Amino acid sequence: MSESEERRWVDEMVRRLERSEARRRSPARSGNEALHRRSLELARRYLGPETVPTSVRWVAPMRTRWASCTPADGTIRVSERLRDVPGWVVDYVLVHELAHLLVPGHDDEFWALVRRYPRTERAMGYLEGLSAAAGLGLVGTDGDATDDPADDADAEPDAALGGGLDGIAAIDDGDAAAG
């Protein structure tokens, strides 16, 4: 192998290992039950015992948001578009949606709750970049839902994650390798 071929092969193997590690660590690679358990742990850690969703589940890719929450019945839906993102990004989305169980809108009180998760800003940037790179148009930094919830097949009028930055969460396990 030439030096340039070796470098290319090493780069490719590093990319594969990073993808594999992200999938292994991510609740995104698990089913609805594991996603629900993860949300309960995040709620306990960052939002308090009164934050208990009735269900948390993966849904087909949403066109206008990463996730949504219906505070009236305590349900949270997370777009399958997030299955391949790092676990800390999914955790951010979950914390965001869990916070809607306590505060339906996107006011200062809501953002104070969400920012208890230490990787909030980083995850928001990740999602903004993901949206831009994929040409999804799920970008909006003000926290306001800019699209009609009826645009999504599975969304009801709710405290939905509007734009690309309002709906994903992740627990910081203290592992620097998590990103």
N, C-alpha and C. Protein backbone atom coordinates (compact mmCIF):
# COMPACT_ATOMS: atom_id res chain seq x y z
N MET A 1 0.84 -1.17 0.00
CA MET A 1 0.00 0.00 0.00
C MET A 1 0.89 1.25 0.00
N SER A 2 0.54 2.18 -0.82
CA SER A 2 1.29 3.43 -0.83
C SER A 2 0.93 4.25 0.41
N GLU A 3 1.71 5.26 0.69
CA GLU A 3 1.44 6.10 1.85
C GLU A 3 0.09 6.80 1.73
N SER A 4 -0.25 7.28 0.53
CA SER A 4 -1.54 7.96 0.36
C SER A 4 -2.70 6.96 0.48
N GLU A 5 -2.54 5.74 -0.03
CA GLU A 5 -3.59 4.73 0.12
C GLU A 5 -3.78 4.36 1.59
N GLU A 6 -2.66 4.24 2.30
CA GLU A 6 -2.72 3.92 3.72
C GLU A 6 -3.46 5.02 4.48
N ARG A 7 -3.13 6.27 4.18
CA ARG A 7 -3.79 7.41 4.84
C ARG A 7 -5.29 7.39 4.55
N ARG A 8 -5.65 7.15 3.29
CA ARG A 8 -7.06 7.09 2.92
C ARG A 8 -7.77 5.95 3.67
N TRP A 9 -7.14 4.79 3.75
CA TRP A 9 -7.73 3.64 4.44
C TRP A 9 -7.88 3.93 5.94
N VAL A 10 -6.89 4.52 6.56
CA VAL A 10 -6.98 4.87 7.98
C VAL A 10 -8.11 5.87 8.20
N ASP A 11 -8.22 6.87 7.35
CA ASP A 11 -9.30 7.85 7.47
C ASP A 11 -10.66 7.17 7.36
N GLU A 12 -10.80 6.27 6.41
CA GLU A 12 -12.07 5.55 6.23
C GLU A 12 -12.39 4.69 7.45
N MET A 13 -11.41 4.00 7.99
CA MET A 13 -11.64 3.16 9.17
C MET A 13 -12.01 4.00 10.39
N VAL A 14 -11.39 5.15 10.54
CA VAL A 14 -11.75 6.05 11.64
C VAL A 14 -13.19 6.50 11.49
N ARG A 15 -13.60 6.88 10.28
CA ARG A 15 -15.00 7.28 10.04
C ARG A 15 -15.95 6.15 10.39
N ARG A 16 -15.63 4.93 9.98
CA ARG A 16 -16.49 3.78 10.28
C ARG A 16 -16.59 3.53 11.78
N LEU A 17 -15.47 3.62 12.47
CA LEU A 17 -15.48 3.42 13.92
C LEU A 17 -16.30 4.50 14.63
N GLU A 18 -16.15 5.75 14.19
CA GLU A 18 -16.92 6.83 14.79
C GLU A 18 -18.41 6.63 14.59
N ARG A 19 -18.82 6.23 13.38
CA ARG A 19 -20.24 5.96 13.11
C ARG A 19 -20.74 4.82 13.98
N SER A 20 -19.94 3.76 14.06
CA SER A 20 -20.32 2.60 14.85
C SER A 20 -20.48 2.98 16.33
N GLU A 21 -19.55 3.76 16.85
CA GLU A 21 -19.60 4.18 18.25
C GLU A 21 -20.81 5.07 18.50
N ALA A 22 -21.10 5.96 17.58
CA ALA A 22 -22.26 6.85 17.74
C ALA A 22 -23.54 6.03 17.78
N ARG A 23 -23.64 5.02 16.93
CA ARG A 23 -24.84 4.17 16.92
C ARG A 23 -24.94 3.36 18.20
N ARG A 24 -23.80 2.82 18.66
CA ARG A 24 -23.80 2.00 19.87
C ARG A 24 -24.25 2.81 21.08
N ARG A 25 -23.80 4.04 21.18
CA ARG A 25 -24.10 4.87 22.33
C ARG A 25 -25.46 5.54 22.23
N SER A 26 -26.01 5.63 21.06
CA SER A 26 -27.21 6.42 20.85
C SER A 26 -28.49 5.64 21.17
N PRO A 27 -29.41 6.27 21.93
CA PRO A 27 -30.72 5.65 22.12
C PRO A 27 -31.48 5.59 20.80
N ALA A 28 -30.97 6.31 19.81
CA ALA A 28 -31.61 6.32 18.51
C ALA A 28 -31.58 4.95 17.86
N ARG A 29 -30.61 4.12 18.21
CA ARG A 29 -30.50 2.81 17.60
C ARG A 29 -31.37 1.79 18.32
N SER A 30 -32.09 2.19 19.33
CA SER A 30 -32.91 1.28 20.10
C SER A 30 -34.39 1.51 19.79
N GLY A 31 -35.21 0.70 20.40
CA GLY A 31 -36.64 0.80 20.17
C GLY A 31 -37.32 1.82 21.06
N ASN A 32 -38.64 1.85 20.97
CA ASN A 32 -39.43 2.81 21.72
C ASN A 32 -39.28 2.65 23.23
N GLU A 33 -39.20 1.41 23.71
CA GLU A 33 -39.09 1.19 25.15
C GLU A 33 -37.80 1.80 25.70
N ALA A 34 -36.70 1.57 25.01
CA ALA A 34 -35.42 2.14 25.45
C ALA A 34 -35.44 3.67 25.36
N LEU A 35 -36.08 4.20 24.32
CA LEU A 35 -36.19 5.65 24.18
C LEU A 35 -37.00 6.23 25.36
N HIS A 36 -38.07 5.55 25.74
CA HIS A 36 -38.88 6.00 26.86
C HIS A 36 -38.09 5.94 28.16
N ARG A 37 -37.35 4.86 28.39
CA ARG A 37 -36.51 4.75 29.59
C ARG A 37 -35.48 5.87 29.64
N ARG A 38 -34.89 6.16 28.48
CA ARG A 38 -33.89 7.23 28.41
C ARG A 38 -34.52 8.57 28.79
N SER A 39 -35.72 8.81 28.29
CA SER A 39 -36.39 10.08 28.59
C SER A 39 -36.70 10.19 30.08
N LEU A 40 -37.05 9.09 30.72
CA LEU A 40 -37.31 9.12 32.17
C LEU A 40 -36.04 9.45 32.94
N GLU A 41 -34.91 8.90 32.52
CA GLU A 41 -33.63 9.20 33.17
C GLU A 41 -33.26 10.68 32.97
N LEU A 42 -33.45 11.17 31.76
CA LEU A 42 -33.15 12.58 31.48
C LEU A 42 -34.06 13.50 32.30
N ALA A 43 -35.32 13.16 32.37
CA ALA A 43 -36.27 13.96 33.15
C ALA A 43 -35.86 13.98 34.61
N ARG A 44 -35.52 12.83 35.15
CA ARG A 44 -35.10 12.74 36.55
C ARG A 44 -33.85 13.59 36.79
N ARG A 45 -32.91 13.51 35.87
CA ARG A 45 -31.63 14.18 36.05
C ARG A 45 -31.72 15.70 35.88
N TYR A 46 -32.51 16.16 34.91
CA TYR A 46 -32.49 17.58 34.56
C TYR A 46 -33.77 18.36 34.87
N LEU A 47 -34.91 17.68 34.99
CA LEU A 47 -36.16 18.43 35.09
C LEU A 47 -36.97 18.13 36.34
N GLY A 48 -36.73 17.05 37.02
CA GLY A 48 -37.45 16.75 38.25
C GLY A 48 -38.47 15.65 38.10
N PRO A 49 -38.90 15.11 39.23
CA PRO A 49 -39.78 13.94 39.25
C PRO A 49 -41.19 14.17 38.69
N GLU A 50 -41.61 15.41 38.61
CA GLU A 50 -42.96 15.70 38.08
C GLU A 50 -43.01 15.60 36.55
N THR A 51 -41.87 15.41 35.92
CA THR A 51 -41.80 15.35 34.46
C THR A 51 -41.82 13.88 34.03
N VAL A 52 -43.02 13.37 33.73
CA VAL A 52 -43.16 11.97 33.36
C VAL A 52 -44.02 11.86 32.11
N PRO A 53 -43.41 11.55 30.98
CA PRO A 53 -44.19 11.38 29.76
C PRO A 53 -44.98 10.07 29.80
N THR A 54 -46.14 10.06 29.16
CA THR A 54 -46.92 8.82 29.10
C THR A 54 -46.37 7.89 28.03
N SER A 55 -45.84 8.47 26.95
CA SER A 55 -45.19 7.65 25.93
C SER A 55 -44.16 8.48 25.18
N VAL A 56 -43.12 7.78 24.73
CA VAL A 56 -42.08 8.40 23.92
C VAL A 56 -41.81 7.38 22.82
N ARG A 57 -41.94 7.81 21.57
CA ARG A 57 -41.77 6.84 20.48
C ARG A 57 -41.18 7.48 19.24
N TRP A 58 -40.57 6.60 18.45
CA TRP A 58 -40.06 6.99 17.13
C TRP A 58 -41.24 7.06 16.17
N VAL A 59 -41.20 8.02 15.27
CA VAL A 59 -42.22 8.13 14.22
C VAL A 59 -41.52 8.34 12.88
N ALA A 60 -42.25 8.09 11.82
CA ALA A 60 -41.71 8.31 10.48
C ALA A 60 -41.17 9.73 10.39
N PRO A 61 -40.17 9.94 9.53
CA PRO A 61 -39.57 11.28 9.43
C PRO A 61 -40.62 12.37 9.26
N MET A 62 -40.53 13.35 10.13
CA MET A 62 -41.41 14.51 10.05
C MET A 62 -40.82 15.50 9.06
N ARG A 63 -41.69 16.22 8.37
CA ARG A 63 -41.19 17.15 7.35
C ARG A 63 -40.74 18.48 7.90
N THR A 64 -41.30 18.90 9.03
CA THR A 64 -41.01 20.26 9.49
C THR A 64 -40.43 20.35 10.89
N ARG A 65 -40.14 19.23 11.52
CA ARG A 65 -39.58 19.28 12.88
C ARG A 65 -38.83 18.01 13.20
N TRP A 66 -38.02 18.08 14.24
CA TRP A 66 -37.25 16.92 14.70
C TRP A 66 -38.06 16.06 15.65
N ALA A 67 -38.95 16.67 16.41
CA ALA A 67 -39.75 15.95 17.39
C ALA A 67 -40.94 16.83 17.76
N SER A 68 -41.89 16.23 18.48
CA SER A 68 -43.03 17.01 18.95
C SER A 68 -43.54 16.42 20.26
N CYS A 69 -44.27 17.26 20.99
CA CYS A 69 -44.81 16.88 22.29
C CYS A 69 -46.24 17.39 22.38
N THR A 70 -47.11 16.56 22.95
CA THR A 70 -48.47 16.98 23.24
C THR A 70 -48.61 17.00 24.76
N PRO A 71 -48.45 18.16 25.38
CA PRO A 71 -48.50 18.24 26.84
C PRO A 71 -49.82 17.72 27.43
N ALA A 72 -50.92 17.89 26.73
CA ALA A 72 -52.22 17.48 27.26
C ALA A 72 -52.29 15.99 27.59
N ASP A 73 -51.62 15.17 26.79
CA ASP A 73 -51.65 13.73 27.08
C ASP A 73 -50.27 13.15 27.39
N GLY A 74 -49.25 14.01 27.41
CA GLY A 74 -47.92 13.57 27.81
C GLY A 74 -47.16 12.74 26.80
N THR A 75 -47.53 12.84 25.53
CA THR A 75 -46.86 12.04 24.51
C THR A 75 -45.76 12.83 23.81
N ILE A 76 -44.69 12.11 23.49
CA ILE A 76 -43.56 12.69 22.77
C ILE A 76 -43.27 11.80 21.57
N ARG A 77 -43.08 12.44 20.42
CA ARG A 77 -42.75 11.73 19.18
C ARG A 77 -41.43 12.27 18.66
N VAL A 78 -40.53 11.36 18.29
CA VAL A 78 -39.20 11.74 17.81
C VAL A 78 -39.05 11.22 16.38
N SER A 79 -38.65 12.10 15.49
CA SER A 79 -38.48 11.73 14.09
C SER A 79 -37.37 10.70 13.91
N GLU A 80 -37.63 9.71 13.11
CA GLU A 80 -36.63 8.69 12.80
C GLU A 80 -35.43 9.27 12.06
N ARG A 81 -35.52 10.51 11.59
CA ARG A 81 -34.36 11.16 10.98
C ARG A 81 -33.19 11.24 11.97
N LEU A 82 -33.51 11.13 13.26
CA LEU A 82 -32.49 11.27 14.29
C LEU A 82 -31.85 9.95 14.71
N ARG A 83 -32.20 8.87 14.08
CA ARG A 83 -31.68 7.56 14.48
C ARG A 83 -30.17 7.44 14.34
N ASP A 84 -29.56 8.19 13.46
CA ASP A 84 -28.12 8.07 13.24
C ASP A 84 -27.30 9.20 13.86
N VAL A 85 -27.92 10.06 14.63
CA VAL A 85 -27.16 11.14 15.26
C VAL A 85 -26.56 10.65 16.57
N PRO A 86 -25.55 11.32 17.08
CA PRO A 86 -24.96 10.91 18.36
C PRO A 86 -26.00 10.95 19.49
N GLY A 87 -25.79 10.11 20.49
CA GLY A 87 -26.71 10.03 21.61
C GLY A 87 -26.94 11.34 22.33
N TRP A 88 -25.88 12.16 22.45
CA TRP A 88 -26.03 13.43 23.17
C TRP A 88 -26.96 14.39 22.44
N VAL A 89 -27.10 14.22 21.12
CA VAL A 89 -28.02 15.06 20.35
C VAL A 89 -29.45 14.58 20.60
N VAL A 90 -29.67 13.28 20.56
CA VAL A 90 -31.00 12.72 20.86
C VAL A 90 -31.40 13.12 22.28
N ASP A 91 -30.45 13.07 23.20
CA ASP A 91 -30.76 13.45 24.57
C ASP A 91 -31.23 14.91 24.64
N TYR A 92 -30.57 15.79 23.89
CA TYR A 92 -31.02 17.19 23.88
C TYR A 92 -32.47 17.28 23.39
N VAL A 93 -32.78 16.58 22.33
CA VAL A 93 -34.13 16.62 21.78
C VAL A 93 -35.13 16.11 22.82
N LEU A 94 -34.78 15.05 23.49
CA LEU A 94 -35.68 14.53 24.53
C LEU A 94 -35.88 15.54 25.65
N VAL A 95 -34.80 16.16 26.12
CA VAL A 95 -34.92 17.16 27.19
C VAL A 95 -35.81 18.31 26.72
N HIS A 96 -35.61 18.73 25.48
CA HIS A 96 -36.42 19.82 24.93
C HIS A 96 -37.91 19.46 24.99
N GLU A 97 -38.22 18.27 24.50
CA GLU A 97 -39.64 17.85 24.48
C GLU A 97 -40.17 17.61 25.88
N LEU A 98 -39.36 17.04 26.76
CA LEU A 98 -39.78 16.85 28.15
C LEU A 98 -40.08 18.18 28.83
N ALA A 99 -39.30 19.20 28.53
CA ALA A 99 -39.53 20.52 29.11
C ALA A 99 -40.91 21.05 28.71
N HIS A 100 -41.40 20.63 27.54
CA HIS A 100 -42.74 21.07 27.11
C HIS A 100 -43.83 20.47 27.99
N LEU A 101 -43.56 19.40 28.69
CA LEU A 101 -44.55 18.85 29.61
C LEU A 101 -44.76 19.80 30.79
N LEU A 102 -43.76 20.62 31.06
CA LEU A 102 -43.84 21.60 32.15
C LEU A 102 -44.20 22.99 31.66
N VAL A 103 -43.69 23.37 30.48
CA VAL A 103 -43.92 24.70 29.91
C VAL A 103 -44.23 24.50 28.42
N PRO A 104 -45.47 24.70 28.00
CA PRO A 104 -45.84 24.43 26.61
C PRO A 104 -45.14 25.30 25.57
N GLY A 105 -44.90 26.55 25.85
CA GLY A 105 -44.31 27.45 24.86
C GLY A 105 -42.80 27.45 24.88
N HIS A 106 -42.21 28.46 24.23
CA HIS A 106 -40.76 28.62 24.15
C HIS A 106 -40.33 29.93 24.83
N ASP A 107 -40.84 30.17 26.03
CA ASP A 107 -40.49 31.40 26.73
C ASP A 107 -39.19 31.22 27.53
N ASP A 108 -38.81 32.23 28.28
CA ASP A 108 -37.57 32.19 29.06
C ASP A 108 -37.57 31.05 30.08
N GLU A 109 -38.71 30.80 30.69
CA GLU A 109 -38.81 29.71 31.67
C GLU A 109 -38.52 28.37 30.99
N PHE A 110 -39.09 28.18 29.80
CA PHE A 110 -38.85 26.95 29.06
C PHE A 110 -37.37 26.77 28.75
N TRP A 111 -36.72 27.82 28.20
CA TRP A 111 -35.32 27.70 27.82
C TRP A 111 -34.41 27.53 29.03
N ALA A 112 -34.79 28.08 30.17
CA ALA A 112 -34.01 27.86 31.40
C ALA A 112 -34.03 26.38 31.77
N LEU A 113 -35.17 25.73 31.59
CA LEU A 113 -35.26 24.28 31.85
C LEU A 113 -34.40 23.49 30.87
N VAL A 114 -34.54 23.79 29.59
CA VAL A 114 -33.80 23.06 28.56
C VAL A 114 -32.30 23.21 28.77
N ARG A 115 -31.86 24.40 29.12
CA ARG A 115 -30.42 24.65 29.26
C ARG A 115 -29.80 23.99 30.50
N ARG A 116 -30.61 23.32 31.29
CA ARG A 116 -30.05 22.49 32.37
C ARG A 116 -29.26 21.33 31.77
N TYR A 117 -29.62 20.95 30.56
CA TYR A 117 -28.86 19.92 29.86
C TYR A 117 -27.58 20.58 29.35
N PRO A 118 -26.41 20.08 29.75
CA PRO A 118 -25.16 20.80 29.48
C PRO A 118 -24.75 20.90 28.01
N ARG A 119 -25.29 20.10 27.15
CA ARG A 119 -24.87 20.16 25.74
C ARG A 119 -25.94 20.79 24.84
N THR A 120 -26.80 21.58 25.41
CA THR A 120 -27.88 22.20 24.64
C THR A 120 -27.37 22.98 23.44
N GLU A 121 -26.50 23.94 23.67
CA GLU A 121 -26.03 24.79 22.56
C GLU A 121 -25.32 23.97 21.49
N ARG A 122 -24.52 23.03 21.93
CA ARG A 122 -23.77 22.19 21.00
C ARG A 122 -24.73 21.35 20.15
N ALA A 123 -25.74 20.76 20.79
CA ALA A 123 -26.71 19.94 20.07
C ALA A 123 -27.53 20.79 19.10
N MET A 124 -27.89 21.99 19.51
CA MET A 124 -28.62 22.88 18.62
C MET A 124 -27.79 23.18 17.38
N GLY A 125 -26.51 23.43 17.56
CA GLY A 125 -25.63 23.67 16.42
C GLY A 125 -25.52 22.45 15.52
N TYR A 126 -25.43 21.27 16.14
CA TYR A 126 -25.36 20.03 15.37
C TYR A 126 -26.61 19.89 14.48
N LEU A 127 -27.77 20.11 15.08
CA LEU A 127 -29.02 19.97 14.33
C LEU A 127 -29.15 21.01 13.23
N GLU A 128 -28.70 22.22 13.51
CA GLU A 128 -28.74 23.26 12.48
C GLU A 128 -27.86 22.86 11.31
N GLY A 129 -26.66 22.35 11.61
CA GLY A 129 -25.76 21.89 10.55
C GLY A 129 -26.32 20.71 9.79
N LEU A 130 -26.92 19.77 10.51
CA LEU A 130 -27.52 18.60 9.87
C LEU A 130 -28.64 19.02 8.92
N SER A 131 -29.46 19.92 9.38
CA SER A 131 -30.55 20.41 8.55
C SER A 131 -30.04 21.11 7.29
N ALA A 132 -29.04 21.95 7.47
CA ALA A 132 -28.47 22.67 6.32
C ALA A 132 -27.81 21.71 5.34
N ALA A 133 -27.03 20.76 5.86
CA ALA A 133 -26.31 19.82 5.00
C ALA A 133 -27.26 18.93 4.21
N ALA A 134 -28.37 18.56 4.84
CA ALA A 134 -29.34 17.68 4.18
C ALA A 134 -30.36 18.46 3.37
N GLY A 135 -30.31 19.79 3.46
CA GLY A 135 -31.27 20.60 2.72
C GLY A 135 -32.69 20.41 3.21
N LEU A 136 -32.84 20.14 4.52
CA LEU A 136 -34.17 19.85 5.07
C LEU A 136 -34.98 21.10 5.34
N GLY A 137 -34.31 22.24 5.52
CA GLY A 137 -35.05 23.46 5.82
C GLY A 137 -35.60 23.48 7.24
N LEU A 138 -35.06 22.62 8.12
CA LEU A 138 -35.51 22.59 9.51
C LEU A 138 -34.65 23.51 10.34
N VAL A 139 -34.58 24.78 9.95
CA VAL A 139 -33.71 25.70 10.65
C VAL A 139 -34.53 26.82 11.24
N GLY A 140 -34.25 27.17 12.47
CA GLY A 140 -34.93 28.26 13.15
C GLY A 140 -34.36 28.38 14.53
N THR A 141 -33.71 29.45 14.84
CA THR A 141 -33.02 29.56 16.12
C THR A 141 -33.84 30.25 17.18
N ASP A 142 -35.00 30.78 16.83
CA ASP A 142 -35.76 31.54 17.81
C ASP A 142 -36.66 30.67 18.67
N GLY A 143 -36.78 29.38 18.35
CA GLY A 143 -37.59 28.49 19.17
C GLY A 143 -39.06 28.52 18.83
N ASP A 144 -39.46 29.34 17.89
CA ASP A 144 -40.87 29.40 17.52
C ASP A 144 -41.15 28.40 16.42
N ALA A 145 -42.29 27.72 16.54
CA ALA A 145 -42.71 26.81 15.48
C ALA A 145 -43.09 27.66 14.28
N THR A 146 -42.37 27.46 13.18
CA THR A 146 -42.63 28.29 12.01
C THR A 146 -43.53 27.60 11.01
N ASP A 147 -43.86 26.35 11.28
CA ASP A 147 -44.67 25.59 10.35
C ASP A 147 -45.94 25.11 11.02
N ASP A 148 -46.95 24.85 10.22
CA ASP A 148 -48.21 24.34 10.71
C ASP A 148 -48.03 22.88 11.12
N PRO A 149 -48.41 22.49 12.35
CA PRO A 149 -48.27 21.10 12.77
C PRO A 149 -49.02 20.15 11.85
N ALA A 150 -50.01 20.62 11.15
CA ALA A 150 -50.76 19.76 10.24
C ALA A 150 -49.90 19.30 9.08
N ASP A 151 -48.75 19.93 8.87
CA ASP A 151 -47.84 19.51 7.80
C ASP A 151 -47.25 18.13 8.06
N ASP A 152 -47.25 17.70 9.32
CA ASP A 152 -46.68 16.40 9.66
C ASP A 152 -47.80 15.40 9.82
N ALA A 153 -47.62 14.25 9.23
CA ALA A 153 -48.65 13.22 9.27
C ALA A 153 -48.99 12.80 10.69
N ASP A 154 -48.01 12.80 11.60
CA ASP A 154 -48.23 12.28 12.93
C ASP A 154 -48.33 13.36 13.99
N ALA A 155 -48.29 14.62 13.61
CA ALA A 155 -48.28 15.68 14.61
C ALA A 155 -49.68 16.21 14.85
N GLU A 156 -49.96 16.51 16.11
CA GLU A 156 -51.19 17.19 16.47
C GLU A 156 -50.81 18.61 16.85
N PRO A 157 -51.79 19.53 16.96
CA PRO A 157 -51.45 20.85 17.47
C PRO A 157 -50.87 20.67 18.87
N ASP A 158 -49.67 21.08 19.06
CA ASP A 158 -48.99 20.82 20.32
C ASP A 158 -47.81 21.75 20.48
N ALA A 159 -47.00 21.46 21.47
CA ALA A 159 -45.78 22.22 21.68
C ALA A 159 -44.69 21.55 20.86
N ALA A 160 -44.84 21.57 19.57
CA ALA A 160 -43.92 20.85 18.69
C ALA A 160 -42.61 21.57 18.54
N LEU A 161 -41.61 20.78 18.28
CA LEU A 161 -40.29 21.33 18.04
C LEU A 161 -40.33 22.00 16.69
N GLY A 162 -40.37 23.28 16.68
CA GLY A 162 -40.39 24.01 15.42
C GLY A 162 -38.99 24.27 14.95
N GLY A 163 -38.82 24.40 13.67
CA GLY A 163 -37.50 24.64 13.13
C GLY A 163 -36.59 23.46 13.40
N GLY A 164 -35.32 23.60 13.17
CA GLY A 164 -34.41 22.49 13.32
C GLY A 164 -33.75 22.45 14.66
N LEU A 165 -34.01 23.40 15.52
CA LEU A 165 -33.25 23.46 16.76
C LEU A 165 -34.08 23.18 17.98
N ASP A 166 -35.35 22.94 17.84
CA ASP A 166 -36.21 22.85 19.01
C ASP A 166 -36.73 21.45 19.29
N GLY A 167 -35.97 20.44 19.44
CA GLY A 167 -36.64 19.22 19.81
C GLY A 167 -35.77 18.04 20.02
N ILE A 168 -34.52 18.15 20.39
CA ILE A 168 -33.72 16.96 20.62
C ILE A 168 -32.89 17.11 21.88
N ALA A 169 -32.70 15.99 22.60
CA ALA A 169 -31.98 16.04 23.85
C ALA A 169 -31.06 14.87 24.08
N ALA A 170 -30.06 14.96 25.05
CA ALA A 170 -29.15 13.85 25.37
C ALA A 170 -28.51 14.00 26.73
N ILE A 171 -28.35 12.90 27.46
CA ILE A 171 -27.71 12.94 28.79
C ILE A 171 -26.21 13.01 28.61
N ASP A 172 -25.58 13.87 29.38
CA ASP A 172 -24.13 13.94 29.37
C ASP A 172 -23.62 12.90 30.35
N ASP A 173 -23.10 11.80 29.82
CA ASP A 173 -22.60 10.73 30.66
C ASP A 173 -21.19 10.98 31.14
N GLY A 174 -20.66 12.15 30.86
CA GLY A 174 -19.31 12.46 31.29
C GLY A 174 -18.25 11.82 30.43
N ASP A 175 -18.65 11.29 29.30
CA ASP A 175 -17.71 10.62 28.39
C ASP A 175 -17.26 11.60 27.33
N ALA A 176 -16.03 12.02 27.40
CA ALA A 176 -15.52 13.01 26.45
C ALA A 176 -15.61 12.52 25.03
N ALA A 177 -15.58 11.21 24.82
CA ALA A 177 -15.63 10.67 23.47
C ALA A 177 -17.01 10.84 22.85
N ALA A 178 -18.01 11.13 23.68
CA ALA A 178 -19.36 11.28 23.15
C ALA A 178 -19.49 12.52 22.29
N GLY A 179 -18.56 13.42 22.36
CA GLY A 179 -18.61 14.59 21.48
C GLY A 179 -18.82 15.82 22.22
